PDB file of N, CA and C in Angstrom:
ATOM      1  N   MET A   1     -84.515 -89.266  74.170  1.00  0.00           N
ATOM      2  CA  MET A   1     -83.466 -90.167  74.603  1.00  0.00           C
ATOM      3  C   MET A   1     -82.610 -90.630  73.424  1.00  0.00           C
ATOM      4  N   LEU A   2     -83.251 -90.882  72.290  1.00  0.00           N
ATOM      5  CA  LEU A   2     -82.530 -91.328  71.101  1.00  0.00           C
ATOM      6  C   LEU A   2     -81.581 -90.242  70.597  1.00  0.00           C
ATOM      7  N   LYS A   3     -81.992 -88.967  70.713  1.00  0.00           N
ATOM      8  CA  LYS A   3     -81.132 -87.860  70.293  1.00  0.00           C
ATOM      9  C   LYS A   3     -79.879 -87.782  71.163  1.00  0.00           C
ATOM     10  N   VAL A   4     -80.030 -88.027  72.442  1.00  0.00           N
ATOM     11  CA  VAL A   4     -78.892 -87.988  73.361  1.00  0.00           C
ATOM     12  C   VAL A   4     -77.903 -89.105  73.026  1.00  0.00           C
ATOM     13  N   ILE A   5     -78.391 -90.296  72.771  1.00  0.00           N
ATOM     14  CA  ILE A   5     -77.527 -91.428  72.418  1.00  0.00           C
ATOM     15  C   ILE A   5     -76.815 -91.156  71.094  1.00  0.00           C
ATOM     16  N   THR A   6     -77.526 -90.601  70.124  1.00  0.00           N
ATOM     17  CA  THR A   6     -76.922 -90.267  68.832  1.00  0.00           C
ATOM     18  C   THR A   6     -75.834 -89.210  69.003  1.00  0.00           C
ATOM     19  N   LEU A   7     -76.101 -88.198  69.810  1.00  0.00           N
ATOM     20  CA  LEU A   7     -75.134 -87.131  70.050  1.00  0.00           C
ATOM     21  C   LEU A   7     -73.886 -87.674  70.753  1.00  0.00           C
ATOM     22  N   ILE A   8     -74.065 -88.500  71.755  1.00  0.00           N
ATOM     23  CA  ILE A   8     -72.930 -89.095  72.470  1.00  0.00           C
ATOM     24  C   ILE A   8     -72.120 -89.988  71.532  1.00  0.00           C
ATOM     25  N   THR A   9     -72.791 -90.746  70.683  1.00  0.00           N
ATOM     26  CA  THR A   9     -72.107 -91.606  69.717  1.00  0.00           C
ATOM     27  C   THR A   9     -71.266 -90.775  68.757  1.00  0.00           C
ATOM     28  N   LYS A  10     -71.801 -89.638  68.300  1.00  0.00           N
ATOM     29  CA  LYS A  10     -71.043 -88.759  67.397  1.00  0.00           C
ATOM     30  C   LYS A  10     -69.791 -88.229  68.088  1.00  0.00           C
ATOM     31  N   TYR A  11     -69.918 -87.792  69.340  1.00  0.00           N
ATOM     32  CA  TYR A  11     -68.760 -87.287  70.075  1.00  0.00           C
ATOM     33  C   TYR A  11     -67.697 -88.374  70.261  1.00  0.00           C
ATOM     34  N   ILE A  12     -68.129 -89.568  70.559  1.00  0.00           N
ATOM     35  CA  ILE A  12     -67.187 -90.676  70.734  1.00  0.00           C
ATOM     36  C   ILE A  12     -66.476 -90.990  69.418  1.00  0.00           C
ATOM     37  N   LEU A  13     -67.208 -90.994  68.314  1.00  0.00           N
ATOM     38  CA  LEU A  13     -66.592 -91.266  67.009  1.00  0.00           C
ATOM     39  C   LEU A  13     -65.594 -90.182  66.625  1.00  0.00           C
ATOM     40  N   VAL A  14     -65.935 -88.923  66.879  1.00  0.00           N
ATOM     41  CA  VAL A  14     -65.012 -87.821  66.575  1.00  0.00           C
ATOM     42  C   VAL A  14     -63.754 -87.944  67.434  1.00  0.00           C
ATOM     43  N   ALA A  15     -63.916 -88.250  68.703  1.00  0.00           N
ATOM     44  CA  ALA A  15     -62.762 -88.404  69.591  1.00  0.00           C
ATOM     45  C   ALA A  15     -61.873 -89.569  69.152  1.00  0.00           C
ATOM     46  N   LEU A  16     -62.479 -90.683  68.769  1.00  0.00           N
ATOM     47  CA  LEU A  16     -61.703 -91.831  68.294  1.00  0.00           C
ATOM     48  C   LEU A  16     -60.971 -91.517  66.990  1.00  0.00           C
ATOM     49  N   ALA A  17     -61.639 -90.798  66.088  1.00  0.00           N
ATOM     50  CA  ALA A  17     -60.991 -90.421  64.825  1.00  0.00           C
ATOM     51  C   ALA A  17     -59.807 -89.498  65.084  1.00  0.00           C
ATOM     52  N   ALA A  18     -59.968 -88.529  65.984  1.00  0.00           N
ATOM     53  CA  ALA A  18     -58.868 -87.621  66.318  1.00  0.00           C
ATOM     54  C   ALA A  18     -57.702 -88.386  66.932  1.00  0.00           C
ATOM     55  N   LEU A  19     -57.996 -89.313  67.809  1.00  0.00           N
ATOM     56  CA  LEU A  19     -56.955 -90.133  68.423  1.00  0.00           C
ATOM     57  C   LEU A  19     -56.237 -90.990  67.384  1.00  0.00           C
ATOM     58  N   LEU A  20     -56.988 -91.551  66.463  1.00  0.00           N
ATOM     59  CA  LEU A  20     -56.412 -92.378  65.411  1.00  0.00           C
ATOM     60  C   LEU A  20     -55.467 -91.568  64.531  1.00  0.00           C
ATOM     61  N   PHE A  21     -55.906 -90.382  64.090  1.00  0.00           N
ATOM     62  CA  PHE A  21     -55.058 -89.557  63.232  1.00  0.00           C
ATOM     63  C   PHE A  21     -53.829 -89.046  63.976  1.00  0.00           C
ATOM     64  N   ALA A  22     -53.970 -88.715  65.231  1.00  0.00           N
ATOM     65  CA  ALA A  22     -52.827 -88.245  66.014  1.00  0.00           C
ATOM     66  C   ALA A  22     -51.789 -89.350  66.180  1.00  0.00           C
ATOM     67  N   SER A  23     -52.225 -90.572  66.415  1.00  0.00           N
ATOM     68  CA  SER A  23     -51.276 -91.671  66.578  1.00  0.00           C
ATOM     69  C   SER A  23     -50.618 -92.046  65.258  1.00  0.00           C
ATOM     70  N   CYS A  24     -51.333 -91.914  64.142  1.00  0.00           N
ATOM     71  CA  CYS A  24     -50.738 -92.198  62.828  1.00  0.00           C
ATOM     72  C   CYS A  24     -49.637 -91.204  62.522  1.00  0.00           C
ATOM     73  N   ASN A  25     -49.854 -89.936  62.814  1.00  0.00           N
ATOM     74  CA  ASN A  25     -48.851 -88.915  62.563  1.00  0.00           C
ATOM     75  C   ASN A  25     -47.601 -89.193  63.384  1.00  0.00           C
ATOM     76  N   HIS A  26     -47.752 -89.618  64.618  1.00  0.00           N
ATOM     77  CA  HIS A  26     -46.599 -89.936  65.464  1.00  0.00           C
ATOM     78  C   HIS A  26     -45.825 -91.125  64.899  1.00  0.00           C
ATOM     79  N   ALA A  27     -46.505 -92.122  64.407  1.00  0.00           N
ATOM     80  CA  ALA A  27     -45.850 -93.309  63.858  1.00  0.00           C
ATOM     81  C   ALA A  27     -45.094 -92.973  62.579  1.00  0.00           C
ATOM     82  N   ILE A  28     -45.652 -92.104  61.762  1.00  0.00           N
ATOM     83  CA  ILE A  28     -45.001 -91.727  60.510  1.00  0.00           C
ATOM     84  C   ILE A  28     -43.718 -90.962  60.791  1.00  0.00           C
ATOM     85  N   ASN A  29     -43.718 -90.068  61.765  1.00  0.00           N
ATOM     86  CA  ASN A  29     -42.576 -89.213  62.045  1.00  0.00           C
ATOM     87  C   ASN A  29     -41.631 -89.797  63.090  1.00  0.00           C
ATOM     88  N   LEU A  30     -41.768 -91.069  63.407  1.00  0.00           N
ATOM     89  CA  LEU A  30     -40.960 -91.689  64.439  1.00  0.00           C
ATOM     90  C   LEU A  30     -39.472 -91.620  64.117  1.00  0.00           C
ATOM     91  N   ASN A  31     -39.095 -91.774  62.860  1.00  0.00           N
ATOM     92  CA  ASN A  31     -37.692 -91.752  62.465  1.00  0.00           C
ATOM     93  C   ASN A  31     -37.347 -90.467  61.723  1.00  0.00           C
ATOM     94  N   SER A  32     -38.078 -89.397  62.001  1.00  0.00           N
ATOM     95  CA  SER A  32     -37.832 -88.109  61.370  1.00  0.00           C
ATOM     96  C   SER A  32     -36.943 -87.268  62.273  1.00  0.00           C
ATOM     97  N   ILE A  33     -36.357 -86.253  61.680  1.00  0.00           N
ATOM     98  CA  ILE A  33     -35.527 -85.336  62.450  1.00  0.00           C
ATOM     99  C   ILE A  33     -35.911 -83.920  62.059  1.00  0.00           C
ATOM    100  N   GLU A  34     -35.968 -83.036  63.042  1.00  0.00           N
ATOM    101  CA  GLU A  34     -36.364 -81.653  62.801  1.00  0.00           C
ATOM    102  C   GLU A  34     -35.127 -80.787  62.680  1.00  0.00           C
ATOM    103  N   GLY A  35     -35.086 -79.953  61.645  1.00  0.00           N
ATOM    104  CA  GLY A  35     -33.968 -79.050  61.446  1.00  0.00           C
ATOM    105  C   GLY A  35     -33.947 -77.959  62.498  1.00  0.00           C
ATOM    106  N   SER A  36     -32.734 -77.502  62.848  1.00  0.00           N
ATOM    107  CA  SER A  36     -32.578 -76.483  63.886  1.00  0.00           C
ATOM    108  C   SER A  36     -32.846 -75.079  63.358  1.00  0.00           C
ATOM    109  N   GLY A  37     -32.777 -74.898  62.037  1.00  0.00           N
ATOM    110  CA  GLY A  37     -32.944 -73.571  61.449  1.00  0.00           C
ATOM    111  C   GLY A  37     -31.620 -72.851  61.252  1.00  0.00           C
ATOM    112  N   ASN A  38     -30.532 -73.389  61.801  1.00  0.00           N
ATOM    113  CA  ASN A  38     -29.205 -72.801  61.660  1.00  0.00           C
ATOM    114  C   ASN A  38     -28.484 -73.495  60.505  1.00  0.00           C
ATOM    115  N   VAL A  39     -28.560 -72.903  59.302  1.00  0.00           N
ATOM    116  CA  VAL A  39     -27.991 -73.513  58.099  1.00  0.00           C
ATOM    117  C   VAL A  39     -26.483 -73.297  58.072  1.00  0.00           C
ATOM    118  N   THR A  40     -25.734 -74.393  57.867  1.00  0.00           N
ATOM    119  CA  THR A  40     -24.281 -74.338  57.772  1.00  0.00           C
ATOM    120  C   THR A  40     -23.832 -75.022  56.480  1.00  0.00           C
ATOM    121  N   THR A  41     -22.608 -74.727  56.068  1.00  0.00           N
ATOM    122  CA  THR A  41     -22.013 -75.372  54.896  1.00  0.00           C
ATOM    123  C   THR A  41     -20.787 -76.148  55.351  1.00  0.00           C
ATOM    124  N   GLU A  42     -20.735 -77.415  54.970  1.00  0.00           N
ATOM    125  CA  GLU A  42     -19.628 -78.294  55.358  1.00  0.00           C
ATOM    126  C   GLU A  42     -18.929 -78.796  54.104  1.00  0.00           C
ATOM    127  N   LYS A  43     -17.596 -78.663  54.067  1.00  0.00           N
ATOM    128  CA  LYS A  43     -16.804 -79.160  52.943  1.00  0.00           C
ATOM    129  C   LYS A  43     -16.401 -80.598  53.236  1.00  0.00           C
ATOM    130  N   ARG A  44     -16.668 -81.480  52.282  1.00  0.00           N
ATOM    131  CA  ARG A  44     -16.354 -82.903  52.450  1.00  0.00           C
ATOM    132  C   ARG A  44     -15.308 -83.331  51.428  1.00  0.00           C
ATOM    133  N   THR A  45     -14.479 -84.295  51.829  1.00  0.00           N
ATOM    134  CA  THR A  45     -13.485 -84.831  50.902  1.00  0.00           C
ATOM    135  C   THR A  45     -14.112 -85.953  50.083  1.00  0.00           C
ATOM    136  N   VAL A  46     -13.613 -86.102  48.871  1.00  0.00           N
ATOM    137  CA  VAL A  46     -14.095 -87.150  47.975  1.00  0.00           C
ATOM    138  C   VAL A  46     -13.091 -88.289  48.022  1.00  0.00           C
ATOM    139  N   GLU A  47     -13.540 -89.456  48.450  1.00  0.00           N
ATOM    140  CA  GLU A  47     -12.679 -90.634  48.541  1.00  0.00           C
ATOM    141  C   GLU A  47     -12.817 -91.451  47.264  1.00  0.00           C
ATOM    142  N   GLY A  48     -12.015 -91.153  46.256  1.00  0.00           N
ATOM    143  CA  GLY A  48     -12.053 -91.898  45.002  1.00  0.00           C
ATOM    144  C   GLY A  48     -12.724 -91.115  43.884  1.00  0.00           C
ATOM    145  N   ASN A  49     -12.547 -91.623  42.663  1.00  0.00           N
ATOM    146  CA  ASN A  49     -13.145 -90.986  41.487  1.00  0.00           C
ATOM    147  C   ASN A  49     -14.543 -91.531  41.255  1.00  0.00           C
ATOM    148  N   PHE A  50     -15.410 -90.697  40.681  1.00  0.00           N
ATOM    149  CA  PHE A  50     -16.762 -91.146  40.369  1.00  0.00           C
ATOM    150  C   PHE A  50     -17.175 -90.615  39.005  1.00  0.00           C
ATOM    151  N   LYS A  51     -18.042 -91.364  38.334  1.00  0.00           N
ATOM    152  CA  LYS A  51     -18.533 -90.990  37.007  1.00  0.00           C
ATOM    153  C   LYS A  51     -20.031 -90.731  37.007  1.00  0.00           C
ATOM    154  N   SER A  52     -20.703 -91.088  38.104  1.00  0.00           N
ATOM    155  CA  SER A  52     -22.146 -90.857  38.202  1.00  0.00           C
ATOM    156  C   SER A  52     -22.498 -90.477  39.634  1.00  0.00           C
ATOM    157  N   ILE A  53     -23.713 -89.934  39.789  1.00  0.00           N
ATOM    158  CA  ILE A  53     -24.190 -89.500  41.103  1.00  0.00           C
ATOM    159  C   ILE A  53     -25.546 -90.139  41.363  1.00  0.00           C
ATOM    160  N   GLU A  54     -25.697 -90.698  42.552  1.00  0.00           N
ATOM    161  CA  GLU A  54     -26.981 -91.270  42.986  1.00  0.00           C
ATOM    162  C   GLU A  54     -27.435 -90.506  44.225  1.00  0.00           C
ATOM    163  N   VAL A  55     -28.657 -89.975  44.180  1.00  0.00           N
ATOM    164  CA  VAL A  55     -29.187 -89.198  45.298  1.00  0.00           C
ATOM    165  C   VAL A  55     -30.391 -89.926  45.876  1.00  0.00           C
ATOM    166  N   ASN A  56     -30.339 -90.222  47.161  1.00  0.00           N
ATOM    167  CA  ASN A  56     -31.459 -90.837  47.863  1.00  0.00           C
ATOM    168  C   ASN A  56     -32.120 -89.767  48.730  1.00  0.00           C
ATOM    169  N   ASN A  57     -33.397 -89.905  48.967  1.00  0.00           N
ATOM    170  CA  ASN A  57     -34.174 -88.961  49.753  1.00  0.00           C
ATOM    171  C   ASN A  57     -34.378 -87.668  48.960  1.00  0.00           C
ATOM    172  N   ASN A  58     -34.948 -86.694  49.601  1.00  0.00           N
ATOM    173  CA  ASN A  58     -35.277 -85.423  48.956  1.00  0.00           C
ATOM    174  C   ASN A  58     -34.152 -84.424  49.199  1.00  0.00           C
ATOM    175  N   ILE A  59     -33.069 -84.565  48.451  1.00  0.00           N
ATOM    176  CA  ILE A  59     -31.902 -83.699  48.592  1.00  0.00           C
ATOM    177  C   ILE A  59     -31.662 -83.015  47.253  1.00  0.00           C
ATOM    178  N   ASP A  60     -31.469 -81.690  47.288  1.00  0.00           N
ATOM    179  CA  ASP A  60     -31.157 -80.938  46.073  1.00  0.00           C
ATOM    180  C   ASP A  60     -29.660 -81.026  45.809  1.00  0.00           C
ATOM    181  N   VAL A  61     -29.285 -81.287  44.563  1.00  0.00           N
ATOM    182  CA  VAL A  61     -27.883 -81.369  44.173  1.00  0.00           C
ATOM    183  C   VAL A  61     -27.603 -80.295  43.133  1.00  0.00           C
ATOM    184  N   VAL A  62     -26.549 -79.525  43.364  1.00  0.00           N
ATOM    185  CA  VAL A  62     -26.108 -78.502  42.421  1.00  0.00           C
ATOM    186  C   VAL A  62     -24.737 -78.929  41.916  1.00  0.00           C
ATOM    187  N   ILE A  63     -24.593 -79.040  40.597  1.00  0.00           N
ATOM    188  CA  ILE A  63     -23.327 -79.460  39.994  1.00  0.00           C
ATOM    189  C   ILE A  63     -22.731 -78.267  39.259  1.00  0.00           C
ATOM    190  N   GLU A  64     -21.483 -77.955  39.566  1.00  0.00           N
ATOM    191  CA  GLU A  64     -20.775 -76.866  38.904  1.00  0.00           C
ATOM    192  C   GLU A  64     -19.481 -77.407  38.315  1.00  0.00           C
ATOM    193  N   GLN A  65     -19.188 -77.017  37.085  1.00  0.00           N
ATOM    194  CA  GLN A  65     -17.951 -77.451  36.442  1.00  0.00           C
ATOM    195  C   GLN A  65     -16.787 -76.665  37.026  1.00  0.00           C
ATOM    196  N   SER A  66     -15.715 -77.390  37.382  1.00  0.00           N
ATOM    197  CA  SER A  66     -14.553 -76.771  37.997  1.00  0.00           C
ATOM    198  C   SER A  66     -13.345 -77.673  37.797  1.00  0.00           C
ATOM    199  N   ASP A  67     -12.160 -77.127  38.031  1.00  0.00           N
ATOM    200  CA  ASP A  67     -10.956 -77.947  37.956  1.00  0.00           C
ATOM    201  C   ASP A  67     -10.702 -78.677  39.281  1.00  0.00           C
ATOM    202  N   ARG A  68     -11.492 -78.384  40.311  1.00  0.00           N
ATOM    203  CA  ARG A  68     -11.386 -79.045  41.612  1.00  0.00           C
ATOM    204  C   ARG A  68     -12.564 -79.992  41.807  1.00  0.00           C
ATOM    205  N   THR A  69     -12.313 -81.064  42.537  1.00  0.00           N
ATOM    206  CA  THR A  69     -13.392 -81.979  42.911  1.00  0.00           C
ATOM    207  C   THR A  69     -13.633 -81.808  44.401  1.00  0.00           C
ATOM    208  N   GLU A  70     -14.779 -81.224  44.740  1.00  0.00           N
ATOM    209  CA  GLU A  70     -15.115 -81.027  46.144  1.00  0.00           C
ATOM    210  C   GLU A  70     -16.619 -81.134  46.337  1.00  0.00           C
ATOM    211  N   ILE A  71     -16.990 -81.450  47.548  1.00  0.00           N
ATOM    212  CA  ILE A  71     -18.403 -81.570  47.894  1.00  0.00           C
ATOM    213  C   ILE A  71     -18.688 -80.586  49.018  1.00  0.00           C
ATOM    214  N   LEU A  72     -19.678 -79.720  48.813  1.00  0.00           N
ATOM    215  CA  LEU A  72     -20.142 -78.804  49.846  1.00  0.00           C
ATOM    216  C   LEU A  72     -21.558 -79.209  50.219  1.00  0.00           C
ATOM    217  N   VAL A  73     -21.777 -79.470  51.484  1.00  0.00           N
ATOM    218  CA  VAL A  73     -23.101 -79.860  51.968  1.00  0.00           C
ATOM    219  C   VAL A  73     -23.675 -78.685  52.752  1.00  0.00           C
ATOM    220  N   GLU A  74     -24.811 -78.165  52.276  1.00  0.00           N
ATOM    221  CA  GLU A  74     -25.490 -77.054  52.937  1.00  0.00           C
ATOM    222  C   GLU A  74     -26.771 -77.589  53.566  1.00  0.00           C
ATOM    223  N   ALA A  75     -26.827 -77.549  54.893  1.00  0.00           N
ATOM    224  CA  ALA A  75     -27.992 -78.082  55.616  1.00  0.00           C
ATOM    225  C   ALA A  75     -27.999 -77.511  57.028  1.00  0.00           C
ATOM    226  N   ASP A  76     -29.091 -77.714  57.729  1.00  0.00           N
ATOM    227  CA  ASP A  76     -29.150 -77.319  59.133  1.00  0.00           C
ATOM    228  C   ASP A  76     -28.033 -78.044  59.879  1.00  0.00           C
ATOM    229  N   ASP A  77     -27.440 -77.359  60.858  1.00  0.00           N
ATOM    230  CA  ASP A  77     -26.264 -77.922  61.529  1.00  0.00           C
ATOM    231  C   ASP A  77     -26.518 -79.284  62.174  1.00  0.00           C
ATOM    232  N   ASN A  78     -27.715 -79.519  62.681  1.00  0.00           N
ATOM    233  CA  ASN A  78     -27.978 -80.817  63.306  1.00  0.00           C
ATOM    234  C   ASN A  78     -28.290 -81.910  62.285  1.00  0.00           C
ATOM    235  N   LEU A  79     -28.442 -81.551  61.006  1.00  0.00           N
ATOM    236  CA  LEU A  79     -28.678 -82.545  59.957  1.00  0.00           C
ATOM    237  C   LEU A  79     -27.385 -82.973  59.269  1.00  0.00           C
ATOM    238  N   GLN A  80     -26.328 -82.191  59.406  1.00  0.00           N
ATOM    239  CA  GLN A  80     -25.071 -82.458  58.699  1.00  0.00           C
ATOM    240  C   GLN A  80     -24.565 -83.883  58.938  1.00  0.00           C
ATOM    241  N   LYS A  81     -24.592 -84.333  60.182  1.00  0.00           N
ATOM    242  CA  LYS A  81     -24.046 -85.665  60.496  1.00  0.00           C
ATOM    243  C   LYS A  81     -24.901 -86.794  59.936  1.00  0.00           C
ATOM    244  N   HIS A  82     -26.133 -86.497  59.530  1.00  0.00           N
ATOM    245  CA  HIS A  82     -27.024 -87.529  58.992  1.00  0.00           C
ATOM    246  C   HIS A  82     -26.962 -87.626  57.466  1.00  0.00           C
ATOM    247  N   ILE A  83     -26.327 -86.655  56.810  1.00  0.00           N
ATOM    248  CA  ILE A  83     -26.180 -86.685  55.350  1.00  0.00           C
ATOM    249  C   ILE A  83     -24.854 -87.363  55.033  1.00  0.00           C
ATOM    250  N   THR A  84     -24.930 -88.474  54.300  1.00  0.00           N
ATOM    251  CA  THR A  84     -23.718 -89.220  53.970  1.00  0.00           C
ATOM    252  C   THR A  84     -23.351 -89.002  52.509  1.00  0.00           C
ATOM    253  N   THR A  85     -22.054 -88.886  52.270  1.00  0.00           N
ATOM    254  CA  THR A  85     -21.518 -88.783  50.912  1.00  0.00           C
ATOM    255  C   THR A  85     -20.393 -89.804  50.809  1.00  0.00           C
ATOM    256  N   LYS A  86     -20.544 -90.753  49.883  1.00  0.00           N
ATOM    257  CA  LYS A  86     -19.524 -91.791  49.725  1.00  0.00           C
ATOM    258  C   LYS A  86     -19.467 -92.217  48.267  1.00  0.00           C
ATOM    259  N   VAL A  87     -18.321 -92.748  47.876  1.00  0.00           N
ATOM    260  CA  VAL A  87     -18.126 -93.243  46.518  1.00  0.00           C
ATOM    261  C   VAL A  87     -18.062 -94.763  46.567  1.00  0.00           C
ATOM    262  N   GLU A  88     -18.931 -95.404  45.771  1.00  0.00           N
ATOM    263  CA  GLU A  88     -18.944 -96.863  45.654  1.00  0.00           C
ATOM    264  C   GLU A  88     -19.049 -97.238  44.186  1.00  0.00           C
ATOM    265  N   ASN A  89     -18.112 -98.043  43.714  1.00  0.00           N
ATOM    266  CA  ASN A  89     -18.114 -98.540  42.329  1.00  0.00           C
ATOM    267  C   ASN A  89     -18.256 -97.411  41.309  1.00  0.00           C
ATOM    268  N   GLY A  90     -17.530 -96.323  41.524  1.00  0.00           N
ATOM    269  CA  GLY A  90     -17.545 -95.212  40.574  1.00  0.00           C
ATOM    270  C   GLY A  90     -18.779 -94.333  40.651  1.00  0.00           C
ATOM    271  N   THR A  91     -19.587 -94.473  41.696  1.00  0.00           N
ATOM    272  CA  THR A  91     -20.794 -93.664  41.857  1.00  0.00           C
ATOM    273  C   THR A  91     -20.728 -92.906  43.178  1.00  0.00           C
ATOM    274  N   LEU A  92     -20.926 -91.587  43.122  1.00  0.00           N
ATOM    275  CA  LEU A  92     -21.039 -90.778  44.328  1.00  0.00           C
ATOM    276  C   LEU A  92     -22.460 -90.947  44.853  1.00  0.00           C
ATOM    277  N   ILE A  93     -22.589 -91.457  46.070  1.00  0.00           N
ATOM    278  CA  ILE A  93     -23.904 -91.702  46.670  1.00  0.00           C
ATOM    279  C   ILE A  93     -24.129 -90.672  47.770  1.00  0.00           C
ATOM    280  N   ILE A  94     -25.223 -89.922  47.636  1.00  0.00           N
ATOM    281  CA  ILE A  94     -25.603 -88.911  48.618  1.00  0.00           C
ATOM    282  C   ILE A  94     -26.927 -89.358  49.224  1.00  0.00           C
ATOM    283  N   SER A  95     -26.944 -89.542  50.535  1.00  0.00           N
ATOM    284  CA  SER A  95     -28.174 -90.029  51.163  1.00  0.00           C
ATOM    285  C   SER A  95     -28.315 -89.467  52.570  1.00  0.00           C
ATOM    286  N   PHE A  96     -29.476 -89.721  53.149  1.00  0.00           N
ATOM    287  CA  PHE A  96     -29.802 -89.280  54.500  1.00  0.00           C
ATOM    288  C   PHE A  96     -30.170 -90.507  55.303  1.00  0.00           C
ATOM    289  N   ASP A  97     -29.644 -90.644  56.511  1.00  0.00           N
ATOM    290  CA  ASP A  97     -29.868 -91.868  57.279  1.00  0.00           C
ATOM    291  C   ASP A  97     -31.161 -91.876  58.094  1.00  0.00           C
ATOM    292  N   LYS A  98     -32.009 -90.882  57.925  1.00  0.00           N
ATOM    293  CA  LYS A  98     -33.324 -90.856  58.568  1.00  0.00           C
ATOM    294  C   LYS A  98     -34.383 -90.937  57.477  1.00  0.00           C
ATOM    295  N   ASN A  99     -35.627 -91.228  57.868  1.00  0.00           N
ATOM    296  CA  ASN A  99     -36.704 -91.365  56.883  1.00  0.00           C
ATOM    297  C   ASN A  99     -37.144 -90.045  56.291  1.00  0.00           C
ATOM    298  N   SER A 100     -37.183 -88.999  57.096  1.00  0.00           N
ATOM    299  CA  SER A 100     -37.679 -87.726  56.579  1.00  0.00           C
ATOM    300  C   SER A 100     -37.174 -86.567  57.414  1.00  0.00           C
ATOM    301  N   PHE A 101     -37.366 -85.370  56.855  1.00  0.00           N
ATOM    302  CA  PHE A 101     -36.980 -84.132  57.502  1.00  0.00           C
ATOM    303  C   PHE A 101     -38.245 -83.392  57.921  1.00  0.00           C
ATOM    304  N   ILE A 102     -38.156 -82.609  58.977  1.00  0.00           N
ATOM    305  CA  ILE A 102     -39.252 -81.745  59.394  1.00  0.00           C
ATOM    306  C   ILE A 102     -38.671 -80.358  59.627  1.00  0.00           C
ATOM    307  N   ASN A 103     -39.305 -79.330  59.096  1.00  0.00           N
ATOM    308  CA  ASN A 103     -38.919 -77.945  59.364  1.00  0.00           C
ATOM    309  C   ASN A 103     -37.454 -77.668  59.046  1.00  0.00           C
ATOM    310  N   ILE A 104     -37.034 -77.884  57.840  1.00  0.00           N
ATOM    311  CA  ILE A 104     -35.634 -77.659  57.507  1.00  0.00           C
ATOM    312  C   ILE A 104     -35.485 -76.413  56.667  1.00  0.00           C
ATOM    313  N   GLY A 105     -34.356 -75.742  56.828  1.00  0.00           N
ATOM    314  CA  GLY A 105     -34.100 -74.542  56.057  1.00  0.00           C
ATOM    315  C   GLY A 105     -33.557 -74.876  54.679  1.00  0.00           C
ATOM    316  N   SER A 106     -32.614 -75.794  54.602  1.00  0.00           N
ATOM    317  CA  SER A 106     -31.997 -76.148  53.330  1.00  0.00           C
ATOM    318  C   SER A 106     -31.287 -77.482  53.484  1.00  0.00           C
ATOM    319  N   LYS A 107     -31.241 -78.243  52.395  1.00  0.00           N
ATOM    320  CA  LYS A 107     -30.421 -79.451  52.342  1.00  0.00           C
ATOM    321  C   LYS A 107     -29.940 -79.581  50.913  1.00  0.00           C
ATOM    322  N   LYS A 108     -28.824 -78.962  50.662  1.00  0.00           N
ATOM    323  CA  LYS A 108     -28.296 -78.878  49.310  1.00  0.00           C
ATOM    324  C   LYS A 108     -26.878 -79.404  49.300  1.00  0.00           C
ATOM    325  N   VAL A 109     -26.551 -80.181  48.264  1.00  0.00           N
ATOM    326  CA  VAL A 109     -25.196 -80.711  48.110  1.00  0.00           C
ATOM    327  C   VAL A 109     -24.666 -80.225  46.782  1.00  0.00           C
TER     328      VAL A 109
END
């Protein structure tokens, strides 16, 4: 009888642990967005001059010297609208308005 109670207790603990981890994962990804896999490039205008760049979130930035000032954002098409590029107090700020990305092909500026 004691073996049966121990076995049932183990199954209940495993089930509770699985439920706990599953709910934690859902809470963490609540404000996440999943990439569509369709990578596009969007050309953005620069509103004002900047002397420095600030990057928030996990975004790769490639800087190339040129006589033109332009911003190209390469990301999954459904992520483009969530990547913001703005100039404030002489700083180009590149950020993402969600907490994290899931399954993305690229997010390069």
